[in-house]
Structure formats: structure tokens, C-alpha cells
C-alpha atoms as a PDB file:
ATOM      1  CA  MET A   1       8.219   8.615   0.887  1.00  0.00           C
ATOM      2  CA  LYS A   2       4.609   9.766   1.067  1.00  0.00           C
ATOM      3  CA  TRP A   3       1.505   7.945  -0.154  1.00  0.00           C
ATOM      4  CA  GLN A   4       1.143  10.081  -3.260  1.00  0.00           C
ATOM      5  CA  GLN A   5       4.828   9.734  -4.144  1.00  0.00           C
ATOM      6  CA  LEU A   6       4.601   5.972  -3.761  1.00  0.00           C
ATOM      7  CA  GLU A   7       1.504   5.832  -5.970  1.00  0.00           C
ATOM      8  CA  GLU A   8       3.308   7.904  -8.611  1.00  0.00           C
ATOM      9  CA  CYS A   9       6.345   5.597  -8.435  1.00  0.00           C
ATOM     10  CA  ILE A  10       4.095   2.570  -8.874  1.00  0.00           C
ATOM     11  CA  GLU A  11       2.424   4.059 -11.942  1.00  0.00           C
ATOM     12  CA  GLU A  12       5.771   5.048 -13.452  1.00  0.00           C
ATOM     13  CA  LYS A  13       7.244   1.587 -12.818  1.00  0.00           C
ATOM     14  CA  ARG A  14       4.116  -0.036 -14.310  1.00  0.00           C
ATOM     15  CA  LYS A  15       4.480   2.094 -17.454  1.00  0.00           C
ATOM     16  CA  GLU A  16       8.185   1.220 -17.699  1.00  0.00           C
ATOM     17  CA  LEU A  17       7.350  -2.472 -17.348  1.00  0.00           C
ATOM     18  CA  ASN A  18       4.671  -2.365 -20.046  1.00  0.00           C
ATOM     19  CA  ASP A  19       6.890  -0.404 -22.441  1.00  0.00           C
ATOM     20  CA  LEU A  20       9.826  -2.757 -21.895  1.00  0.00           C
ATOM     21  CA  ALA A  21       7.657  -5.848 -22.343  1.00  0.00           C
ATOM     22  CA  LYS A  22       6.341  -4.488 -25.647  1.00  0.00           C
ATOM     23  CA  GLU A  23       9.879  -3.722 -26.783  1.00  0.00           C
ATOM     24  CA  VAL A  24      11.740  -6.914 -25.837  1.00  0.00           C
ATOM     25  CA  GLY A  25       9.005  -9.460 -25.054  1.00  0.00           C
ATOM     26  CA  LEU A  26       7.792 -11.012 -21.827  1.00  0.00           C
ATOM     27  CA  LYS A  27      10.551 -13.626 -21.561  1.00  0.00           C
ATOM     28  CA  ASP A  28      13.416 -11.139 -21.372  1.00  0.00           C
ATOM     29  CA  ARG A  29      15.258 -11.065 -18.041  1.00  0.00           C
ATOM     30  CA  ARG A  30      14.972  -7.259 -17.898  1.00  0.00           C
ATOM     31  CA  VAL A  31      11.182  -7.590 -17.837  1.00  0.00           C
ATOM     32  CA  LEU A  32      11.421  -9.966 -14.889  1.00  0.00           C
ATOM     33  CA  THR A  33      13.732  -7.547 -13.066  1.00  0.00           C
ATOM     34  CA  LYS A  34      11.388  -4.616 -13.729  1.00  0.00           C
ATOM     35  CA  SER A  35       8.440  -6.732 -12.581  1.00  0.00           C
ATOM     36  CA  MET A  36      10.235  -7.523  -9.326  1.00  0.00           C
ATOM     37  CA  GLU A  37      10.857  -3.798  -8.768  1.00  0.00           C
ATOM     38  CA  LEU A  38       7.146  -3.142  -9.257  1.00  0.00           C
ATOM     39  CA  ASP A  39       6.290  -5.981  -6.866  1.00  0.00           C
ATOM     40  CA  ARG A  40       8.459  -4.417  -4.162  1.00  0.00           C
ATOM     41  CA  LEU A  41       6.674  -1.086  -4.549  1.00  0.00           C
ATOM     42  CA  LEU A  42       3.261  -2.761  -4.487  1.00  0.00           C
ATOM     43  CA  ASN A  43       4.195  -4.722  -1.368  1.00  0.00           C
ATOM     44  CA  LYS A  44       5.332  -1.536   0.333  1.00  0.00           C
ATOM     45  CA  TYR A  45       2.064   0.158  -0.608  1.00  0.00           C
ATOM     46  CA  SER A  46       0.079  -2.796   0.677  1.00  0.00           C
ATOM     47  CA  ASP A  47       2.006  -2.826   3.964  1.00  0.00           C
ATOM     48  CA  TRP A  48       1.438   0.899   4.472  1.00  0.00           C
ATOM     49  CA  LYS A  49      -2.254   0.586   3.655  1.00  0.00           C
ATOM     50  CA  TYR A  50      -2.708  -2.378   6.007  1.00  0.00           C
ATOM     51  CA  SER A  51      -0.824  -0.567   8.762  1.00  0.00           C
ATOM     52  CA  TYR A  52      -2.925   2.567   8.303  1.00  0.00           C
ATOM     53  CA  CYS A  53      -6.236   0.638   8.297  1.00  0.00           C
ATOM     54  CA  ARG A  54      -5.178  -1.317  11.361  1.00  0.00           C
ATOM     55  CA  GLN A  55      -4.220   1.901  13.157  1.00  0.00           C
ATOM     56  CA  GLN A  56      -7.596   3.458  12.300  1.00  0.00           C
ATOM     57  CA  SER A  57      -9.376   0.349  13.557  1.00  0.00           C
ATOM     58  CA  VAL A  58      -7.504   0.494  16.868  1.00  0.00           C
ATOM     59  CA  LEU A  59      -8.332   4.192  17.254  1.00  0.00           C
ATOM     60  CA  GLN A  60     -12.016   3.584  16.577  1.00  0.00           C
ATOM     61  CA  SER A  61     -12.063   0.666  18.987  1.00  0.00           C
ATOM     62  CA  SER A  62     -10.502   2.733  21.758  1.00  0.00           C
ATOM     63  CA  GLN A  63     -12.978   5.562  21.138  1.00  0.00           C
ATOM     64  CA  ILE A  64     -15.882   3.118  21.415  1.00  0.00           C
ATOM     65  CA  GLN A  65     -14.451   1.732  24.659  1.00  0.00           C
ATOM     66  CA  GLU A  66     -14.102   5.259  26.046  1.00  0.00           C
ATOM     67  CA  LYS A  67     -17.735   6.030  25.235  1.00  0.00           C
ATOM     68  CA  GLN A  68     -18.870   2.775  26.812  1.00  0.00           C
ATOM     69  CA  HIS A  69     -16.848   3.614  29.898  1.00  0.00           C
ATOM     70  CA  GLU A  70     -18.396   7.087  30.033  1.00  0.00           C
ATOM     71  CA  LEU A  71     -21.872   5.581  29.827  1.00  0.00           C
ATOM     72  CA  VAL A  72     -21.153   3.162  32.657  1.00  0.00           C
ATOM     73  CA  LEU A  73     -19.817   6.004  34.796  1.00  0.00           C
ATOM     74  CA  SER A  74     -22.866   8.139  34.089  1.00  0.00           C
ATOM     75  CA  TYR A  75     -25.220   5.557  35.624  1.00  0.00           C
END
């Protein structure tokens, strides 16, 4: 599943949750189940985002170290 697909799934699940809650009320078990489905999608999105940001940070750090190494070698 790609980022955009996951974002679309989250929005669709959020709409389903809101519609169901309006229809049957917040205390209905189906609303809780739908909410848990949305939570799983949001957690997956958060994990992917954290992983991507961490990967970018590592790449930037290694690039900085390479440049520092190049500078030391140039002296």
C-alpha cells in the first residue's frame, strides 16, 4: 500500500465512522469497532512517517559526515 492509498483509506474510514456514529450513536459497538479500524490505519501511517523521517535523518547525517571527511582530507 502506498502513502496516497493509505491516506485515502484513512479518510474513507473516518467518513464511515462519522456516518455510523450519526446513525447509531457513539455507544454502539459497531462504532467502537470502526474506530479501532481507523486507529490501526492511523498507527500504520504514523509508523511509516516516522520510519521515513528517521531514514531521511540518517541519510542527511551520513552526507554531513562525508563532507566533513572530505574537508579533513583536503587539508
